[in-house]
C-alpha atoms as a PDB file:
ATOM      1  CA  MET A   1     -58.931   9.149 -13.904  1.00  0.00           C
ATOM      2  CA  PHE A   2     -55.770   6.663 -14.103  1.00  0.00           C
ATOM      3  CA  VAL A   3     -53.730   5.484 -16.753  1.00  0.00           C
ATOM      4  CA  THR A   4     -52.673   1.598 -17.231  1.00  0.00           C
ATOM      5  CA  PHE A   5     -49.764   0.498 -19.138  1.00  0.00           C
ATOM      6  CA  ASP A   6     -48.832  -2.884 -21.049  1.00  0.00           C
ATOM      7  CA  GLU A   7     -47.300  -4.381 -23.830  1.00  0.00           C
ATOM      8  CA  LEU A   8     -48.156  -4.569 -27.433  1.00  0.00           C
ATOM      9  CA  PRO A   9     -47.428  -8.180 -28.666  1.00  0.00           C
ATOM     10  CA  PRO A  10     -44.028  -8.562 -30.452  1.00  0.00           C
ATOM     11  CA  PRO A  11     -43.991  -8.709 -34.300  1.00  0.00           C
ATOM     12  CA  GLN A  12     -44.923 -11.768 -35.882  1.00  0.00           C
ATOM     13  CA  GLY A  13     -43.185 -13.269 -38.862  1.00  0.00           C
ATOM     14  CA  GLY A  14     -39.775 -14.696 -39.530  1.00  0.00           C
ATOM     15  CA  ALA A  15     -36.204 -14.312 -38.112  1.00  0.00           C
ATOM     16  CA  LEU A  16     -35.491 -11.994 -40.844  1.00  0.00           C
ATOM     17  CA  ARG A  17     -38.868  -9.782 -40.663  1.00  0.00           C
ATOM     18  CA  ARG A  18     -38.312  -9.660 -36.596  1.00  0.00           C
ATOM     19  CA  ILE A  19     -34.801  -8.630 -37.130  1.00  0.00           C
ATOM     20  CA  THR A  20     -35.896  -5.816 -39.727  1.00  0.00           C
ATOM     21  CA  ARG A  21     -38.486  -4.599 -37.447  1.00  0.00           C
ATOM     22  CA  SER A  22     -36.033  -4.296 -34.324  1.00  0.00           C
ATOM     23  CA  LEU A  23     -33.827  -2.360 -36.470  1.00  0.00           C
ATOM     24  CA  ARG A  24     -36.646   0.043 -37.513  1.00  0.00           C
ATOM     25  CA  ASP A  25     -37.835   0.426 -34.203  1.00  0.00           C
ATOM     26  CA  LYS A  26     -34.591   1.588 -32.965  1.00  0.00           C
ATOM     27  CA  ILE A  27     -34.815   4.409 -35.466  1.00  0.00           C
ATOM     28  CA  LYS A  28     -38.184   5.312 -35.082  1.00  0.00           C
ATOM     29  CA  PRO A  29     -39.917   3.618 -32.394  1.00  0.00           C
ATOM     30  CA  PRO A  30     -43.744   3.134 -33.274  1.00  0.00           C
ATOM     31  CA  LYS A  31     -46.145   5.325 -31.498  1.00  0.00           C
ATOM     32  CA  PRO A  32     -48.013   4.091 -28.350  1.00  0.00           C
ATOM     33  CA  GLU A  33     -51.435   2.997 -28.698  1.00  0.00           C
ATOM     34  CA  ILE A  34     -53.676   5.141 -26.307  1.00  0.00           C
ATOM     35  CA  GLN A  35     -57.248   4.280 -25.646  1.00  0.00           C
ATOM     36  CA  LYS A  36     -59.824   5.869 -23.539  1.00  0.00           C
ATOM     37  CA  ILE A  37     -61.952   3.374 -21.946  1.00  0.00           C
ATOM     38  CA  GLU A  38     -65.310   4.146 -20.248  1.00  0.00           C
ATOM     39  CA  VAL A  39     -66.380   1.815 -17.500  1.00  0.00           C
ATOM     40  CA  CYS A  40     -68.949   1.735 -14.690  1.00  0.00           C
ATOM     41  CA  GLY A  41     -69.598   5.621 -15.548  1.00  0.00           C
ATOM     42  CA  SER A  42     -66.080   6.772 -15.427  1.00  0.00           C
ATOM     43  CA  PHE A  43     -63.002   6.339 -17.523  1.00  0.00           C
ATOM     44  CA  PHE A  44     -59.412   5.562 -17.744  1.00  0.00           C
ATOM     45  CA  PHE A  45     -56.617   5.701 -20.361  1.00  0.00           C
ATOM     46  CA  ASP A  46     -54.861   2.357 -21.373  1.00  0.00           C
ATOM     47  CA  VAL A  47     -51.370   2.538 -23.042  1.00  0.00           C
ATOM     48  CA  ARG A  48     -50.148  -0.196 -24.836  1.00  0.00           C
ATOM     49  CA  ALA A  49     -46.374   0.115 -26.219  1.00  0.00           C
ATOM     50  CA  TYR A  50     -43.550  -1.800 -27.010  1.00  0.00           C
ATOM     51  CA  TRP A  51     -41.050  -2.200 -24.070  1.00  0.00           C
ATOM     52  CA  LYS A  52     -37.589  -3.387 -23.620  1.00  0.00           C
ATOM     53  CA  ASP A  53     -36.005  -4.872 -20.292  1.00  0.00           C
ATOM     54  CA  GLY A  54     -39.244  -3.693 -18.764  1.00  0.00           C
ATOM     55  CA  ARG A  55     -38.925  -0.110 -19.578  1.00  0.00           C
ATOM     56  CA  LEU A  56     -40.884   1.767 -21.856  1.00  0.00           C
ATOM     57  CA  LEU A  57     -38.501   2.953 -24.675  1.00  0.00           C
ATOM     58  CA  GLN A  58     -37.149   6.656 -24.134  1.00  0.00           C
ATOM     59  CA  ALA A  59     -38.978   8.141 -27.227  1.00  0.00           C
ATOM     60  CA  HIS A  60     -42.343   6.885 -25.763  1.00  0.00           C
ATOM     61  CA  GLU A  61     -41.518   8.482 -22.213  1.00  0.00           C
ATOM     62  CA  ARG A  62     -40.864  11.707 -23.933  1.00  0.00           C
ATOM     63  CA  SER A  63     -44.369  11.632 -25.920  1.00  0.00           C
ATOM     64  CA  LEU A  64     -46.228  10.758 -22.511  1.00  0.00           C
ATOM     65  CA  LEU A  65     -44.960  13.100 -20.117  1.00  0.00           C
ATOM     66  CA  THR A  66     -48.709  14.705 -19.635  1.00  0.00           C
ATOM     67  CA  GLY A  67     -48.329  15.319 -15.906  1.00  0.00           C
ATOM     68  CA  ARG A  68     -47.781  13.266 -12.849  1.00  0.00           C
ATOM     69  CA  ARG A  69     -50.840  11.001 -13.307  1.00  0.00           C
ATOM     70  CA  GLY A  70     -51.534   8.134 -11.194  1.00  0.00           C
ATOM     71  CA  ALA A  71     -50.812   4.727 -13.322  1.00  0.00           C
ATOM     72  CA  LEU A  72     -50.675   1.201 -12.909  1.00  0.00           C
ATOM     73  CA  ALA A  73     -48.139  -1.108 -14.917  1.00  0.00           C
ATOM     74  CA  ALA A  74     -48.691  -4.587 -15.977  1.00  0.00           C
ATOM     75  CA  ARG A  75     -46.482  -7.164 -14.291  1.00  0.00           C
ATOM     76  CA  GLY A  76     -42.975  -7.010 -15.097  1.00  0.00           C
ATOM     77  CA  LEU A  77     -43.214  -3.446 -16.144  1.00  0.00           C
ATOM     78  CA  THR A  78     -41.612  -0.402 -14.536  1.00  0.00           C
ATOM     79  CA  LEU A  79     -43.761   2.920 -14.864  1.00  0.00           C
ATOM     80  CA  PRO A  80     -42.506   5.590 -17.262  1.00  0.00           C
ATOM     81  CA  GLN A  81     -40.895   8.858 -15.806  1.00  0.00           C
ATOM     82  CA  GLY A  82     -43.607  11.449 -15.251  1.00  0.00           C
ATOM     83  CA  PHE A  83     -46.179   8.617 -13.635  1.00  0.00           C
ATOM     84  CA  ARG A  84     -46.618   7.694 -10.008  1.00  0.00           C
ATOM     85  CA  PRO A  85     -48.131   4.459  -8.499  1.00  0.00           C
ATOM     86  CA  ALA A  86     -52.153   5.103  -8.936  1.00  0.00           C
ATOM     87  CA  VAL A  87     -52.771   3.439  -5.450  1.00  0.00           C
ATOM     88  CA  SER A  88     -50.763   2.683  -2.406  1.00  0.00           C
ATOM     89  CA  GLU A  89     -50.582  -1.055  -0.382  1.00  0.00           C
ATOM     90  CA  ASP A  90     -52.813   0.539   2.327  1.00  0.00           C
ATOM     91  CA  GLN A  91     -55.525   1.379  -0.095  1.00  0.00           C
ATOM     92  CA  VAL A  92     -55.490  -1.753  -1.544  1.00  0.00           C
ATOM     93  CA  ALA A  93     -55.741  -3.468   1.692  1.00  0.00           C
ATOM     94  CA  ARG A  94     -58.619  -1.298   2.560  1.00  0.00           C
ATOM     95  CA  LEU A  95     -60.487  -2.732  -0.264  1.00  0.00           C
ATOM     96  CA  ARG A  96     -59.747  -6.040   0.901  1.00  0.00           C
ATOM     97  CA  ALA A  97     -60.928  -5.257   4.473  1.00  0.00           C
ATOM     98  CA  GLU A  98     -64.169  -3.751   2.752  1.00  0.00           C
ATOM     99  CA  VAL A  99     -64.827  -6.880   0.564  1.00  0.00           C
ATOM    100  CA  LEU A 100     -64.287  -9.123   3.455  1.00  0.00           C
ATOM    101  CA  CYS A 101     -66.494  -7.470   5.751  1.00  0.00           C
ATOM    102  CA  ASN A 102     -69.185  -7.076   3.182  1.00  0.00           C
ATOM    103  CA  THR A 103     -69.178 -10.815   2.532  1.00  0.00           C
ATOM    104  CA  LEU A 104     -69.024 -11.631   6.099  1.00  0.00           C
ATOM    105  CA  LEU A 105     -72.186  -9.387   6.590  1.00  0.00           C
ATOM    106  CA  ARG A 106     -73.930 -10.884   3.668  1.00  0.00           C
ATOM    107  CA  ALA A 107     -73.037 -14.743   4.882  1.00  0.00           C
ATOM    108  CA  LEU A 108     -74.861 -13.486   8.271  1.00  0.00           C
ATOM    109  CA  GLN A 109     -77.754 -12.133   6.646  1.00  0.00           C
ATOM    110  CA  ARG A 110     -78.455 -15.389   4.477  1.00  0.00           C
ATOM    111  CA  SER A 111     -77.969 -17.638   7.478  1.00  0.00           C
ATOM    112  CA  ALA A 112     -80.692 -18.888   9.919  1.00  0.00           C
ATOM    113  CA  LEU A 113     -79.120 -17.287  12.763  1.00  0.00           C
ATOM    114  CA  PRO A 114     -81.405 -14.771  14.724  1.00  0.00           C
ATOM    115  CA  LEU A 115     -80.250 -11.402  15.267  1.00  0.00           C
ATOM    116  CA  TYR A 116     -79.243 -11.747  18.946  1.00  0.00           C
ATOM    117  CA  CYS A 117     -76.821 -14.761  17.473  1.00  0.00           C
ATOM    118  CA  ARG A 118     -74.746 -12.376  15.489  1.00  0.00           C
ATOM    119  CA  ARG A 119     -72.130 -11.801  17.604  1.00  0.00           C
ATOM    120  CA  VAL A 120     -68.834 -10.894  15.485  1.00  0.00           C
ATOM    121  CA  GLY A 121     -65.389 -10.609  16.544  1.00  0.00           C
ATOM    122  CA  LEU A 122     -63.064  -7.996  14.689  1.00  0.00           C
ATOM    123  CA  ILE A 123     -59.494  -8.928  14.950  1.00  0.00           C
ATOM    124  CA  ASP A 124     -57.273  -5.724  14.018  1.00  0.00           C
ATOM    125  CA  PRO A 125     -53.981  -5.336  16.253  1.00  0.00           C
ATOM    126  CA  GLU A 126     -52.683  -2.293  14.939  1.00  0.00           C
ATOM    127  CA  CYS A 127     -56.135  -0.416  14.754  1.00  0.00           C
ATOM    128  CA  LEU A 128     -56.043   0.062  10.855  1.00  0.00           C
ATOM    129  CA  TYR A 129     -59.639  -0.474  10.247  1.00  0.00           C
ATOM    130  CA  PRO A 130     -61.896   1.188  12.720  1.00  0.00           C
ATOM    131  CA  PHE A 131     -64.149   2.595  10.147  1.00  0.00           C
ATOM    132  CA  LEU A 132     -65.675  -1.007   9.529  1.00  0.00           C
ATOM    133  CA  LEU A 133     -67.384  -0.813  13.152  1.00  0.00           C
ATOM    134  CA  GLU A 134     -70.300   1.096  11.816  1.00  0.00           C
ATOM    135  CA  LYS A 135     -71.019  -1.301   8.980  1.00  0.00           C
ATOM    136  CA  LEU A 136     -70.781  -4.360  11.452  1.00  0.00           C
ATOM    137  CA  ILE A 137     -72.923  -3.021  14.216  1.00  0.00           C
ATOM    138  CA  LYS A 138     -75.775  -2.018  11.572  1.00  0.00           C
ATOM    139  CA  TYR A 139     -76.305  -5.979  11.258  1.00  0.00           C
ATOM    140  CA  CYS A 140     -74.546  -7.331  14.495  1.00  0.00           C
ATOM    141  CA  PRO A 141     -75.800  -6.277  18.078  1.00  0.00           C
ATOM    142  CA  VAL A 142     -72.429  -7.411  19.639  1.00  0.00           C
ATOM    143  CA  VAL A 143     -68.903  -6.407  18.132  1.00  0.00           C
ATOM    144  CA  LEU A 144     -65.854  -7.458  20.140  1.00  0.00           C
ATOM    145  CA  VAL A 145     -62.769  -5.816  18.968  1.00  0.00           C
ATOM    146  CA  CYS A 146     -59.347  -7.538  19.187  1.00  0.00           C
ATOM    147  CA  THR A 147     -56.622  -4.663  19.322  1.00  0.00           C
ATOM    148  CA  ASP A 148     -53.402  -3.800  20.855  1.00  0.00           C
ATOM    149  CA  ARG A 149     -54.470  -0.063  20.515  1.00  0.00           C
ATOM    150  CA  PRO A 150     -58.092   0.081  21.859  1.00  0.00           C
ATOM    151  CA  GLU A 151     -57.433   3.963  22.207  1.00  0.00           C
ATOM    152  CA  ARG A 152     -57.314   4.514  18.724  1.00  0.00           C
ATOM    153  CA  TYR A 153     -61.037   2.914  18.337  1.00  0.00           C
ATOM    154  CA  ALA A 154     -62.406   5.180  21.400  1.00  0.00           C
ATOM    155  CA  PRO A 155     -63.552   8.095  18.980  1.00  0.00           C
ATOM    156  CA  TYR A 156     -65.505   5.350  16.895  1.00  0.00           C
ATOM    157  CA  ALA A 157     -66.816   3.463  19.645  1.00  0.00           C
ATOM    158  CA  GLU A 158     -68.112   6.715  21.174  1.00  0.00           C
ATOM    159  CA  ARG A 159     -69.905   7.526  17.980  1.00  0.00           C
ATOM    160  CA  MET A 160     -71.460   3.829  17.740  1.00  0.00           C
ATOM    161  CA  LEU A 161     -72.975   4.236  21.284  1.00  0.00           C
ATOM    162  CA  GLU A 162     -74.301   7.714  20.282  1.00  0.00           C
ATOM    163  CA  GLU A 163     -75.854   6.645  17.044  1.00  0.00           C
ATOM    164  CA  TYR A 164     -76.914   3.112  17.380  1.00  0.00           C
ATOM    165  CA  GLY A 165     -76.706   2.599  21.242  1.00  0.00           C
ATOM    166  CA  ALA A 166     -74.451  -0.383  20.652  1.00  0.00           C
ATOM    167  CA  PRO A 167     -71.424  -0.444  23.166  1.00  0.00           C
ATOM    168  CA  ILE A 168     -68.335  -1.652  21.617  1.00  0.00           C
ATOM    169  CA  THR A 169     -66.246  -4.532  23.814  1.00  0.00           C
ATOM    170  CA  PHE A 170     -62.345  -4.562  23.447  1.00  0.00           C
ATOM    171  CA  THR A 171     -60.123  -7.278  24.348  1.00  0.00           C
ATOM    172  CA  GLY A 172     -56.653  -8.056  23.954  1.00  0.00           C
ATOM    173  CA  GLU A 173     -56.981 -11.875  24.242  1.00  0.00           C
ATOM    174  CA  LEU A 174     -57.862 -13.830  21.157  1.00  0.00           C
ATOM    175  CA  PRO A 175     -59.599 -16.611  23.355  1.00  0.00           C
ATOM    176  CA  ALA A 176     -62.260 -13.929  24.451  1.00  0.00           C
ATOM    177  CA  LEU A 177     -63.595 -14.090  20.675  1.00  0.00           C
ATOM    178  CA  GLY A 178     -64.411 -17.918  21.308  1.00  0.00           C
ATOM    179  CA  GLY A 179     -68.186 -17.636  21.353  1.00  0.00           C
ATOM    180  CA  CYS A 180     -68.301 -15.404  18.079  1.00  0.00           C
ATOM    181  CA  ALA A 181     -70.544 -16.659  15.132  1.00  0.00           C
ATOM    182  CA  ALA A 182     -67.897 -15.236  12.859  1.00  0.00           C
ATOM    183  CA  LEU A 183     -64.856 -13.384  12.984  1.00  0.00           C
ATOM    184  CA  LEU A 184     -63.216 -10.798  10.824  1.00  0.00           C
ATOM    185  CA  ASP A 185     -59.407 -11.528  10.778  1.00  0.00           C
ATOM    186  CA  LEU A 186     -57.695  -8.233   9.541  1.00  0.00           C
ATOM    187  CA  GLY A 187     -54.101  -8.745  11.495  1.00  0.00           C
ATOM    188  CA  ALA A 188     -51.574 -11.058  11.297  1.00  0.00           C
ATOM    189  CA  LEU A 189     -51.880 -12.673  15.173  1.00  0.00           C
ATOM    190  CA  PRO A 190     -51.323 -16.525  15.353  1.00  0.00           C
ATOM    191  CA  LEU A 191     -54.943 -17.605  15.118  1.00  0.00           C
ATOM    192  CA  PRO A 192     -55.395 -20.975  16.973  1.00  0.00           C
ATOM    193  CA  SER A 193     -57.030 -23.540  15.200  1.00  0.00           C
ATOM    194  CA  PHE A 194     -60.001 -24.385  17.902  1.00  0.00           C
ATOM    195  CA  TYR A 195     -62.456 -21.750  16.633  1.00  0.00           C
ATOM    196  CA  PRO A 196     -65.735 -23.282  15.576  1.00  0.00           C
ATOM    197  CA  ALA A 197     -66.919 -20.127  13.743  1.00  0.00           C
ATOM    198  CA  PRO A 198     -65.741 -19.033  10.153  1.00  0.00           C
ATOM    199  CA  VAL A 199     -62.977 -16.910   9.821  1.00  0.00           C
ATOM    200  CA  PHE A 200     -63.149 -14.287   7.013  1.00  0.00           C
ATOM    201  CA  SER A 201     -59.249 -13.645   6.711  1.00  0.00           C
ATOM    202  CA  MET A 202     -57.018 -11.280   5.141  1.00  0.00           C
ATOM    203  CA  ARG A 203     -54.305 -13.736   4.811  1.00  0.00           C
ATOM    204  CA  ALA A 204     -52.832 -15.071   1.596  1.00  0.00           C
ATOM    205  CA  GLU A 205     -53.013 -18.697   2.992  1.00  0.00           C
ATOM    206  CA  PRO A 206     -55.757 -20.451   4.942  1.00  0.00           C
ATOM    207  CA  ILE A 207     -54.905 -21.059   8.647  1.00  0.00           C
ATOM    208  CA  GLU A 208     -55.079 -24.704   9.991  1.00  0.00           C
ATOM    209  CA  HIS A 209     -58.811 -24.191  10.428  1.00  0.00           C
ATOM    210  CA  ASN A 210     -61.476 -26.204   8.623  1.00  0.00           C
ATOM    211  CA  LEU A 211     -63.596 -22.743   8.409  1.00  0.00           C
ATOM    212  CA  SER A 212     -60.715 -20.347   7.268  1.00  0.00           C
ATOM    213  CA  LEU A 213     -61.720 -18.377   4.328  1.00  0.00           C
ATOM    214  CA  VAL A 214     -59.201 -16.351   2.027  1.00  0.00           C
ATOM    215  CA  LEU A 215     -58.614 -14.794  -1.232  1.00  0.00           C
ATOM    216  CA  PRO A 216     -62.174 -13.562  -1.962  1.00  0.00           C
ATOM    217  CA  HIS A 217     -63.381 -13.519  -5.452  1.00  0.00           C
ATOM    218  CA  TYR A 218     -65.373 -10.612  -6.571  1.00  0.00           C
ATOM    219  CA  GLY A 219     -65.846  -7.934  -9.364  1.00  0.00           C
ATOM    220  CA  LEU A 220     -68.322  -6.223 -11.383  1.00  0.00           C
ATOM    221  CA  PRO A 221     -68.918  -7.589 -14.767  1.00  0.00           C
ATOM    222  CA  GLU A 222     -68.168  -4.390 -16.775  1.00  0.00           C
ATOM    223  CA  ALA A 223     -65.151  -3.677 -14.884  1.00  0.00           C
ATOM    224  CA  ASP A 224     -63.778  -7.286 -15.524  1.00  0.00           C
ATOM    225  CA  GLU A 225     -64.036  -6.732 -19.154  1.00  0.00           C
ATOM    226  CA  ALA A 226     -62.013  -3.590 -19.042  1.00  0.00           C
ATOM    227  CA  ILE A 227     -59.138  -4.985 -17.031  1.00  0.00           C
ATOM    228  CA  PRO A 228     -55.965  -4.717 -19.417  1.00  0.00           C
ATOM    229  CA  PRO A 229     -53.879  -7.590 -19.694  1.00  0.00           C
ATOM    230  CA  GLY A 230     -51.250  -8.266 -16.898  1.00  0.00           C
ATOM    231  CA  ILE A 231     -52.931  -5.266 -14.708  1.00  0.00           C
ATOM    232  CA  ASP A 232     -53.311  -6.368 -10.821  1.00  0.00           C
ATOM    233  CA  ARG A 233     -57.068  -6.946 -10.547  1.00  0.00           C
ATOM    234  CA  ASP A 234     -57.092  -5.666  -6.857  1.00  0.00           C
ATOM    235  CA  GLU A 235     -55.177  -2.388  -7.625  1.00  0.00           C
ATOM    236  CA  PHE A 236     -57.292  -1.830 -10.877  1.00  0.00           C
ATOM    237  CA  TYR A 237     -60.559  -2.094  -8.662  1.00  0.00           C
ATOM    238  CA  THR A 238     -58.776   0.091  -5.759  1.00  0.00           C
ATOM    239  CA  ALA A 239     -58.167   2.606  -8.531  1.00  0.00           C
ATOM    240  CA  LEU A 240     -61.856   2.530  -9.873  1.00  0.00           C
ATOM    241  CA  TRP A 241     -62.962   3.459  -6.034  1.00  0.00           C
ATOM    242  CA  GLN A 242     -60.125   5.561  -5.146  1.00  0.00           C
ATOM    243  CA  LEU A 243     -59.576   7.641  -8.319  1.00  0.00           C
ATOM    244  CA  CYS A 244     -62.863   7.130 -10.253  1.00  0.00           C
ATOM    245  CA  GLY A 245     -65.221   7.458  -7.485  1.00  0.00           C
ATOM    246  CA  VAL A 246     -66.956   3.958  -8.528  1.00  0.00           C
ATOM    247  CA  GLU A 247     -68.849   3.714  -5.133  1.00  0.00           C
ATOM    248  CA  ALA A 248     -70.094   0.279  -6.212  1.00  0.00           C
ATOM    249  CA  VAL A 249     -66.685  -1.162  -5.801  1.00  0.00           C
ATOM    250  CA  GLY A 250     -66.812  -0.094  -1.903  1.00  0.00           C
ATOM    251  CA  GLY A 251     -70.019  -2.294  -1.616  1.00  0.00           C
ATOM    252  CA  LEU A 252     -68.736  -5.303  -3.398  1.00  0.00           C
ATOM    253  CA  CYS A 253     -69.196  -8.994  -1.794  1.00  0.00           C
ATOM    254  CA  ALA A 254     -67.141 -11.940  -2.429  1.00  0.00           C
ATOM    255  CA  SER A 255     -68.913 -14.443  -5.067  1.00  0.00           C
ATOM    256  CA  SER A 256     -66.799 -17.273  -3.435  1.00  0.00           C
ATOM    257  CA  MET A 257     -63.720 -17.723  -1.035  1.00  0.00           C
ATOM    258  CA  LEU A 258     -61.240 -20.309  -0.808  1.00  0.00           C
ATOM    259  CA  CYS A 259     -61.305 -22.533   2.092  1.00  0.00           C
ATOM    260  CA  LYS A 260     -58.520 -24.858   2.132  1.00  0.00           C
ATOM    261  CA  SER A 261     -58.112 -26.154  -1.341  1.00  0.00           C
ATOM    262  CA  ARG A 262     -61.553 -25.428  -2.602  1.00  0.00           C
ATOM    263  CA  ARG A 263     -64.112 -22.874  -3.290  1.00  0.00           C
ATOM    264  CA  VAL A 264     -67.098 -21.983  -1.282  1.00  0.00           C
ATOM    265  CA  THR A 265     -69.920 -19.593  -2.031  1.00  0.00           C
ATOM    266  CA  VAL A 266     -71.543 -17.389   0.107  1.00  0.00           C
ATOM    267  CA  PRO A 267     -74.562 -19.524   0.620  1.00  0.00           C
ATOM    268  CA  GLN A 268     -72.560 -22.365   1.556  1.00  0.00           C
ATOM    269  CA  ILE A 269     -70.739 -20.150   4.365  1.00  0.00           C
ATOM    270  CA  ALA A 270     -74.499 -19.152   5.535  1.00  0.00           C
ATOM    271  CA  ALA A 271     -75.361 -22.880   5.665  1.00  0.00           C
ATOM    272  CA  GLN A 272     -72.439 -23.250   7.854  1.00  0.00           C
ATOM    273  CA  LEU A 273     -73.211 -20.653   9.980  1.00  0.00           C
ATOM    274  CA  SER A 274     -76.421 -21.942  10.519  1.00  0.00           C
ATOM    275  CA  GLN A 275     -75.267 -25.233  11.606  1.00  0.00           C
ATOM    276  CA  ASN A 276     -72.869 -23.306  14.195  1.00  0.00           C
ATOM    277  CA  GLN A 277     -75.728 -21.798  15.761  1.00  0.00           C
ATOM    278  CA  GLU A 278     -75.758 -24.250  18.751  1.00  0.00           C
ATOM    279  CA  GLN A 279     -72.492 -23.449  19.461  1.00  0.00           C
ATOM    280  CA  VAL A 280     -72.991 -19.651  19.648  1.00  0.00           C
ATOM    281  CA  ARG A 281     -72.904 -18.328  23.054  1.00  0.00           C
ATOM    282  CA  ILE A 282     -74.192 -14.626  23.884  1.00  0.00           C
ATOM    283  CA  LEU A 283     -72.424 -12.868  26.783  1.00  0.00           C
ATOM    284  CA  GLU A 284     -74.983 -12.383  29.715  1.00  0.00           C
END
């Protein structure tokens, strides 16, 4: 469970009415509106109140001290005393990586690429996402990992060999990934522009590459309808996943991704993978 904070709309009416309302609120601030919202088999509490200069009125803070719960605040608002951020930047990044990985696999499955051509490169310089190996190896016979810290991947690679009989190949050089059908770019390395394969990237902007795919659009209809105004979408979904145990979030696939200035769908990406089949080279 978590809490979201957003603003009540300012009072309507003429100048005199707004001034009267402002004076009255200073003497006796209106109580916050607290609503329990059920979503995807779980729930969270949405708190709407009046704020001043991005901070909750002091009277509200005293009335909301119900323990150090995780909370999300709308843009421009500071979490009240007694509340902590519901999710960390690392947790949000993990969800984005999961969605990217799911989208890559969905595109491969919908493409005409035979199984033996599904050679995938995972770019993870800091070794932050080794848990994605199992997802990839279930659908791709060859996974190449580009990382500066292969020793951190070792326990995962050993388990993949034991459970799936699939060896993981490591490299520290990006050109070694040139023959991959697709790349999962979870790092900040300067990726060259000559790769013929789609690059599913965590970057905020596409690289200079005609198949650089960024900013996945994903969601669950029920959850989309429940997001309070101003609440960050990725943080909201991460809180549903991490704090409410909504497992469906971890399995989400993007409905579309940004490629340069246009949106492309998974079927369009899959079609491009199929066209690239002749360019895929399998390691001997």
